[in-house]
Amino acid sequence: MSKEISLATVKEHNTPNDLWLIIENKVYDVTKFRLEHPGGEDSLLDVAGRDGTKEFNDVGHSSEAREILKKYYIGNLAAADISKKRVQLVPRPLKRAMRPPPPPSNAAYCINLPKVPSC
């Protein structure tokens, strides 16, 4: 069974010399890979101590990159934190202000009033 790691624990590892991140609910310690990362160390530091799944997928990493990532796997994100993450990702309906309909144009009044010279 894999080790479960809480989100709070991952958040503590957010520096260049202690860099953990989450990809697809798996936790990786990429501290030693930081300087070798082809995208530069800054891209890893941007997601240090948090979930970087979106950023990882947006870049379109190769299957080779996914294989390299496996070397740095240290455990799974705790089930309780996965549940919390899902709740946070549920979209909330937008609150929209009710607007009154626009006033009818002068042309609408002209249809009912054929003798009005301004039409």
N, C-alpha and C. Protein backbone atom coordinates (compact mmCIF):
# COMPACT_ATOMS: atom_id res chain seq x y z
N MET A 1 0.84 -1.19 0.00
CA MET A 1 0.00 0.00 0.00
C MET A 1 0.89 1.25 0.00
N SER A 2 0.50 2.23 -0.78
CA SER A 2 1.27 3.46 -0.89
C SER A 2 1.06 4.35 0.33
N LYS A 3 2.04 5.13 0.60
CA LYS A 3 1.98 6.08 1.71
C LYS A 3 1.02 7.20 1.34
N GLU A 4 0.14 7.59 2.29
CA GLU A 4 -0.75 8.73 2.08
C GLU A 4 -0.11 9.98 2.67
N ILE A 5 -0.14 11.05 1.91
CA ILE A 5 0.47 12.30 2.33
C ILE A 5 -0.60 13.39 2.28
N SER A 6 -0.72 14.13 3.35
CA SER A 6 -1.75 15.17 3.40
C SER A 6 -1.33 16.39 2.59
N LEU A 7 -2.32 17.14 2.17
CA LEU A 7 -2.07 18.39 1.45
C LEU A 7 -1.30 19.36 2.33
N ALA A 8 -1.60 19.36 3.63
CA ALA A 8 -0.89 20.25 4.57
C ALA A 8 0.60 19.92 4.59
N THR A 9 0.93 18.63 4.52
CA THR A 9 2.34 18.22 4.50
C THR A 9 3.01 18.66 3.21
N VAL A 10 2.31 18.48 2.09
CA VAL A 10 2.87 18.89 0.79
C VAL A 10 3.14 20.39 0.79
N LYS A 11 2.24 21.16 1.36
CA LYS A 11 2.39 22.62 1.39
C LYS A 11 3.65 23.07 2.12
N GLU A 12 4.14 22.25 3.04
CA GLU A 12 5.35 22.60 3.80
C GLU A 12 6.62 22.48 2.95
N HIS A 13 6.54 21.78 1.85
CA HIS A 13 7.71 21.50 1.00
C HIS A 13 7.63 22.37 -0.25
N ASN A 14 7.89 23.64 -0.10
CA ASN A 14 7.67 24.59 -1.19
C ASN A 14 8.86 25.50 -1.48
N THR A 15 10.07 24.99 -1.22
CA THR A 15 11.27 25.80 -1.45
C THR A 15 12.17 25.09 -2.47
N PRO A 16 13.12 25.80 -3.04
CA PRO A 16 14.02 25.17 -4.01
C PRO A 16 14.77 23.96 -3.45
N ASN A 17 15.09 23.97 -2.16
CA ASN A 17 15.84 22.87 -1.57
C ASN A 17 14.95 21.79 -0.94
N ASP A 18 13.65 21.95 -1.07
CA ASP A 18 12.69 20.99 -0.52
C ASP A 18 11.38 21.18 -1.30
N LEU A 19 11.31 20.54 -2.47
CA LEU A 19 10.27 20.84 -3.43
C LEU A 19 9.40 19.61 -3.73
N TRP A 20 8.19 19.63 -3.19
CA TRP A 20 7.22 18.58 -3.46
C TRP A 20 6.09 19.18 -4.27
N LEU A 21 5.43 18.33 -5.06
CA LEU A 21 4.26 18.77 -5.80
C LEU A 21 3.32 17.60 -6.02
N ILE A 22 2.11 17.91 -6.43
CA ILE A 22 1.09 16.89 -6.67
C ILE A 22 0.75 16.90 -8.15
N ILE A 23 0.74 15.72 -8.75
CA ILE A 23 0.28 15.54 -10.13
C ILE A 23 -0.70 14.38 -10.10
N GLU A 24 -1.93 14.65 -10.51
CA GLU A 24 -2.97 13.62 -10.57
C GLU A 24 -3.07 12.82 -9.27
N ASN A 25 -3.12 13.54 -8.17
CA ASN A 25 -3.29 12.98 -6.82
C ASN A 25 -2.13 12.12 -6.35
N LYS A 26 -0.99 12.24 -6.99
CA LYS A 26 0.23 11.56 -6.55
C LYS A 26 1.24 12.63 -6.14
N VAL A 27 1.98 12.33 -5.09
CA VAL A 27 2.93 13.31 -4.55
C VAL A 27 4.34 12.94 -5.00
N TYR A 28 5.06 13.95 -5.45
CA TYR A 28 6.42 13.76 -5.95
C TYR A 28 7.37 14.71 -5.24
N ASP A 29 8.55 14.20 -4.90
CA ASP A 29 9.63 15.04 -4.37
C ASP A 29 10.59 15.27 -5.52
N VAL A 30 10.49 16.44 -6.15
CA VAL A 30 11.30 16.75 -7.33
C VAL A 30 12.48 17.66 -7.00
N THR A 31 12.87 17.68 -5.73
CA THR A 31 13.98 18.54 -5.30
C THR A 31 15.23 18.28 -6.14
N LYS A 32 15.60 17.03 -6.30
CA LYS A 32 16.83 16.69 -7.02
C LYS A 32 16.70 16.88 -8.53
N PHE A 33 15.48 16.97 -9.03
CA PHE A 33 15.24 17.14 -10.48
C PHE A 33 15.15 18.60 -10.87
N ARG A 34 15.02 19.47 -9.90
CA ARG A 34 14.79 20.90 -10.12
C ARG A 34 15.73 21.51 -11.15
N LEU A 35 17.01 21.28 -11.02
CA LEU A 35 17.99 21.90 -11.93
C LEU A 35 18.07 21.20 -13.28
N GLU A 36 17.57 19.97 -13.36
CA GLU A 36 17.59 19.22 -14.62
C GLU A 36 16.33 19.44 -15.45
N HIS A 37 15.31 20.01 -14.86
CA HIS A 37 14.01 20.15 -15.54
C HIS A 37 14.16 20.97 -16.83
N PRO A 38 13.77 20.38 -17.97
CA PRO A 38 13.94 21.08 -19.26
C PRO A 38 13.19 22.40 -19.34
N GLY A 39 12.10 22.53 -18.60
CA GLY A 39 11.33 23.77 -18.62
C GLY A 39 11.86 24.82 -17.66
N GLY A 40 12.95 24.50 -16.99
CA GLY A 40 13.54 25.44 -16.05
C GLY A 40 13.02 25.23 -14.65
N GLU A 41 13.80 25.67 -13.72
CA GLU A 41 13.45 25.47 -12.31
C GLU A 41 12.23 26.30 -11.90
N ASP A 42 12.03 27.45 -12.54
CA ASP A 42 10.91 28.32 -12.17
C ASP A 42 9.56 27.65 -12.37
N SER A 43 9.44 26.83 -13.42
CA SER A 43 8.15 26.18 -13.66
C SER A 43 7.82 25.19 -12.55
N LEU A 44 8.84 24.59 -11.94
CA LEU A 44 8.61 23.70 -10.80
C LEU A 44 8.32 24.52 -9.53
N LEU A 45 9.05 25.60 -9.36
CA LEU A 45 8.83 26.44 -8.18
C LEU A 45 7.44 27.06 -8.18
N ASP A 46 6.88 27.30 -9.37
CA ASP A 46 5.53 27.87 -9.46
C ASP A 46 4.48 26.95 -8.86
N VAL A 47 4.73 25.64 -8.87
CA VAL A 47 3.74 24.69 -8.33
C VAL A 47 4.25 23.98 -7.08
N ALA A 48 5.34 24.46 -6.52
CA ALA A 48 5.92 23.84 -5.32
C ALA A 48 4.93 23.87 -4.17
N GLY A 49 4.74 22.73 -3.53
CA GLY A 49 3.87 22.64 -2.37
C GLY A 49 2.39 22.65 -2.70
N ARG A 50 2.04 22.39 -3.95
CA ARG A 50 0.62 22.39 -4.32
C ARG A 50 0.35 21.46 -5.49
N ASP A 51 -0.89 21.43 -5.93
CA ASP A 51 -1.29 20.58 -7.05
C ASP A 51 -0.90 21.27 -8.37
N GLY A 52 -0.04 20.62 -9.13
CA GLY A 52 0.40 21.16 -10.41
C GLY A 52 -0.15 20.37 -11.59
N THR A 53 -1.23 19.62 -11.37
CA THR A 53 -1.80 18.78 -12.43
C THR A 53 -2.17 19.59 -13.66
N LYS A 54 -2.86 20.69 -13.48
CA LYS A 54 -3.30 21.50 -14.62
C LYS A 54 -2.10 22.00 -15.42
N GLU A 55 -1.12 22.55 -14.72
CA GLU A 55 0.06 23.07 -15.41
C GLU A 55 0.81 21.94 -16.13
N PHE A 56 0.93 20.79 -15.48
CA PHE A 56 1.62 19.65 -16.07
C PHE A 56 0.91 19.21 -17.35
N ASN A 57 -0.39 19.10 -17.29
CA ASN A 57 -1.16 18.66 -18.46
C ASN A 57 -1.21 19.72 -19.56
N ASP A 58 -1.26 20.99 -19.17
CA ASP A 58 -1.31 22.07 -20.16
C ASP A 58 -0.07 22.11 -21.04
N VAL A 59 1.07 21.75 -20.46
CA VAL A 59 2.33 21.76 -21.21
C VAL A 59 2.35 20.62 -22.23
N GLY A 60 1.65 19.54 -21.94
CA GLY A 60 1.63 18.40 -22.85
C GLY A 60 2.89 17.57 -22.74
N HIS A 61 3.24 17.16 -21.53
CA HIS A 61 4.45 16.37 -21.31
C HIS A 61 4.42 15.05 -22.08
N SER A 62 5.56 14.63 -22.52
CA SER A 62 5.71 13.39 -23.27
C SER A 62 5.60 12.18 -22.35
N SER A 63 5.50 11.00 -22.96
CA SER A 63 5.48 9.77 -22.16
C SER A 63 6.82 9.58 -21.46
N GLU A 64 7.89 10.07 -22.07
CA GLU A 64 9.21 10.00 -21.44
C GLU A 64 9.24 10.84 -20.16
N ALA A 65 8.64 12.02 -20.22
CA ALA A 65 8.58 12.89 -19.04
C ALA A 65 7.78 12.22 -17.92
N ARG A 66 6.70 11.54 -18.29
CA ARG A 66 5.89 10.84 -17.30
C ARG A 66 6.67 9.69 -16.67
N GLU A 67 7.53 9.04 -17.45
CA GLU A 67 8.38 7.97 -16.91
C GLU A 67 9.40 8.54 -15.92
N ILE A 68 10.00 9.66 -16.26
CA ILE A 68 10.97 10.32 -15.37
C ILE A 68 10.29 10.69 -14.06
N LEU A 69 9.06 11.19 -14.15
CA LEU A 69 8.31 11.60 -12.97
C LEU A 69 8.16 10.45 -11.97
N LYS A 70 7.99 9.25 -12.46
CA LYS A 70 7.79 8.08 -11.60
C LYS A 70 8.94 7.88 -10.61
N LYS A 71 10.15 8.28 -11.01
CA LYS A 71 11.32 8.13 -10.12
C LYS A 71 11.20 8.97 -8.85
N TYR A 72 10.39 10.02 -8.91
CA TYR A 72 10.29 10.97 -7.81
C TYR A 72 9.02 10.77 -6.97
N TYR A 73 8.25 9.75 -7.29
CA TYR A 73 7.01 9.45 -6.57
C TYR A 73 7.30 9.06 -5.13
N ILE A 74 6.57 9.70 -4.19
CA ILE A 74 6.78 9.35 -2.77
C ILE A 74 5.48 8.92 -2.08
N GLY A 75 4.34 9.08 -2.71
CA GLY A 75 3.09 8.66 -2.09
C GLY A 75 1.88 9.26 -2.78
N ASN A 76 0.72 8.91 -2.26
CA ASN A 76 -0.54 9.43 -2.79
C ASN A 76 -1.07 10.55 -1.91
N LEU A 77 -1.77 11.47 -2.53
CA LEU A 77 -2.44 12.52 -1.77
C LEU A 77 -3.50 11.84 -0.90
N ALA A 78 -3.61 12.26 0.35
CA ALA A 78 -4.56 11.67 1.29
C ALA A 78 -5.98 11.74 0.73
N ALA A 79 -6.71 10.65 0.92
CA ALA A 79 -8.08 10.56 0.39
C ALA A 79 -8.95 11.72 0.85
N ALA A 80 -8.81 12.13 2.10
CA ALA A 80 -9.61 13.25 2.61
C ALA A 80 -9.33 14.54 1.83
N ASP A 81 -8.09 14.73 1.43
CA ASP A 81 -7.73 15.94 0.67
C ASP A 81 -8.21 15.85 -0.77
N ILE A 82 -8.27 14.65 -1.32
CA ILE A 82 -8.82 14.48 -2.67
C ILE A 82 -10.29 14.85 -2.66
N SER A 83 -11.02 14.43 -1.65
CA SER A 83 -12.44 14.76 -1.53
C SER A 83 -12.63 16.27 -1.41
N LYS A 84 -11.80 16.92 -0.60
CA LYS A 84 -11.90 18.37 -0.44
C LYS A 84 -11.65 19.08 -1.76
N LYS A 85 -10.66 18.56 -2.50
CA LYS A 85 -10.30 19.16 -3.79
C LYS A 85 -11.48 19.08 -4.76
N ARG A 86 -12.16 17.95 -4.77
CA ARG A 86 -13.31 17.78 -5.66
C ARG A 86 -14.42 18.75 -5.31
N VAL A 87 -14.67 18.94 -4.03
CA VAL A 87 -15.71 19.86 -3.60
C VAL A 87 -15.36 21.27 -4.06
N GLN A 88 -14.08 21.64 -3.97
CA GLN A 88 -13.66 22.98 -4.39
C GLN A 88 -13.75 23.17 -5.89
N LEU A 89 -13.67 22.08 -6.66
CA LEU A 89 -13.69 22.19 -8.11
C LEU A 89 -15.09 22.23 -8.69
N VAL A 90 -16.12 21.95 -7.88
CA VAL A 90 -17.49 21.98 -8.38
C VAL A 90 -17.82 23.43 -8.71
N PRO A 91 -18.19 23.70 -9.97
CA PRO A 91 -18.47 25.09 -10.34
C PRO A 91 -19.71 25.62 -9.64
N ARG A 92 -19.62 26.83 -9.22
CA ARG A 92 -20.75 27.48 -8.58
C ARG A 92 -21.49 28.29 -9.64
N PRO A 93 -22.82 28.34 -9.54
CA PRO A 93 -23.55 29.14 -10.53
C PRO A 93 -23.21 30.61 -10.36
N LEU A 94 -23.10 31.29 -11.47
CA LEU A 94 -22.81 32.72 -11.44
C LEU A 94 -24.04 33.49 -11.00
N LYS A 95 -23.80 34.48 -10.16
CA LYS A 95 -24.90 35.35 -9.76
C LYS A 95 -24.95 36.48 -10.77
N ARG A 96 -26.08 36.59 -11.41
CA ARG A 96 -26.22 37.65 -12.40
C ARG A 96 -27.26 38.64 -11.93
N ALA A 97 -26.95 39.89 -12.11
CA ALA A 97 -27.90 40.93 -11.73
C ALA A 97 -29.07 40.90 -12.71
N MET A 98 -30.26 41.02 -12.17
CA MET A 98 -31.43 41.08 -13.03
C MET A 98 -31.49 42.47 -13.65
N ARG A 99 -31.55 42.48 -14.94
CA ARG A 99 -31.62 43.76 -15.65
C ARG A 99 -33.02 43.90 -16.24
N PRO A 100 -33.55 45.10 -16.17
CA PRO A 100 -34.85 45.29 -16.82
C PRO A 100 -34.67 45.24 -18.33
N PRO A 101 -35.71 44.86 -19.05
CA PRO A 101 -35.57 44.83 -20.51
C PRO A 101 -35.32 46.23 -21.04
N PRO A 102 -34.64 46.35 -22.16
CA PRO A 102 -34.36 47.68 -22.70
C PRO A 102 -35.68 48.35 -23.13
N PRO A 103 -35.71 49.68 -23.06
CA PRO A 103 -36.94 50.37 -23.48
C PRO A 103 -37.15 50.17 -24.98
N PRO A 104 -38.39 50.18 -25.41
CA PRO A 104 -38.64 50.00 -26.85
C PRO A 104 -38.06 51.18 -27.63
N SER A 105 -37.63 50.89 -28.82
CA SER A 105 -37.06 51.95 -29.65
C SER A 105 -38.17 52.85 -30.19
N ASN A 106 -37.79 54.00 -30.70
CA ASN A 106 -38.78 54.92 -31.29
C ASN A 106 -39.47 54.28 -32.48
N ALA A 107 -38.78 53.39 -33.17
CA ALA A 107 -39.36 52.74 -34.33
C ALA A 107 -40.58 51.93 -33.94
N ALA A 108 -40.57 51.32 -32.77
CA ALA A 108 -41.72 50.54 -32.31
C ALA A 108 -42.92 51.44 -32.11
N TYR A 109 -42.70 52.66 -31.61
CA TYR A 109 -43.81 53.59 -31.43
C TYR A 109 -44.32 54.08 -32.78
N CYS A 110 -43.45 54.19 -33.73
CA CYS A 110 -43.84 54.69 -35.04
C CYS A 110 -44.78 53.72 -35.75
N ILE A 111 -44.66 52.48 -35.49
CA ILE A 111 -45.53 51.49 -36.14
C ILE A 111 -46.98 51.73 -35.73
N ASN A 112 -47.20 52.07 -34.47
CA ASN A 112 -48.56 52.32 -33.98
C ASN A 112 -49.04 53.73 -34.26
N LEU A 113 -48.14 54.61 -34.59
CA LEU A 113 -48.50 56.00 -34.81
C LEU A 113 -48.06 56.44 -36.21
N PRO A 114 -48.77 56.06 -37.23
CA PRO A 114 -48.32 56.35 -38.60
C PRO A 114 -48.25 57.83 -38.96
N LYS A 115 -48.93 58.72 -38.21
CA LYS A 115 -48.95 60.13 -38.58
C LYS A 115 -47.84 60.94 -37.90
N VAL A 116 -46.95 60.30 -37.16
CA VAL A 116 -45.88 61.03 -36.48
C VAL A 116 -44.82 61.40 -37.53
N PRO A 117 -44.54 62.67 -37.73
CA PRO A 117 -43.62 63.11 -38.80
C PRO A 117 -42.16 62.71 -38.54
N SER A 118 -41.73 62.49 -37.32
CA SER A 118 -40.33 62.19 -37.07
C SER A 118 -39.97 60.76 -37.48
N CYS A 119 -40.93 59.95 -37.77
CA CYS A 119 -40.66 58.57 -38.15
C CYS A 119 -40.38 58.54 -39.60
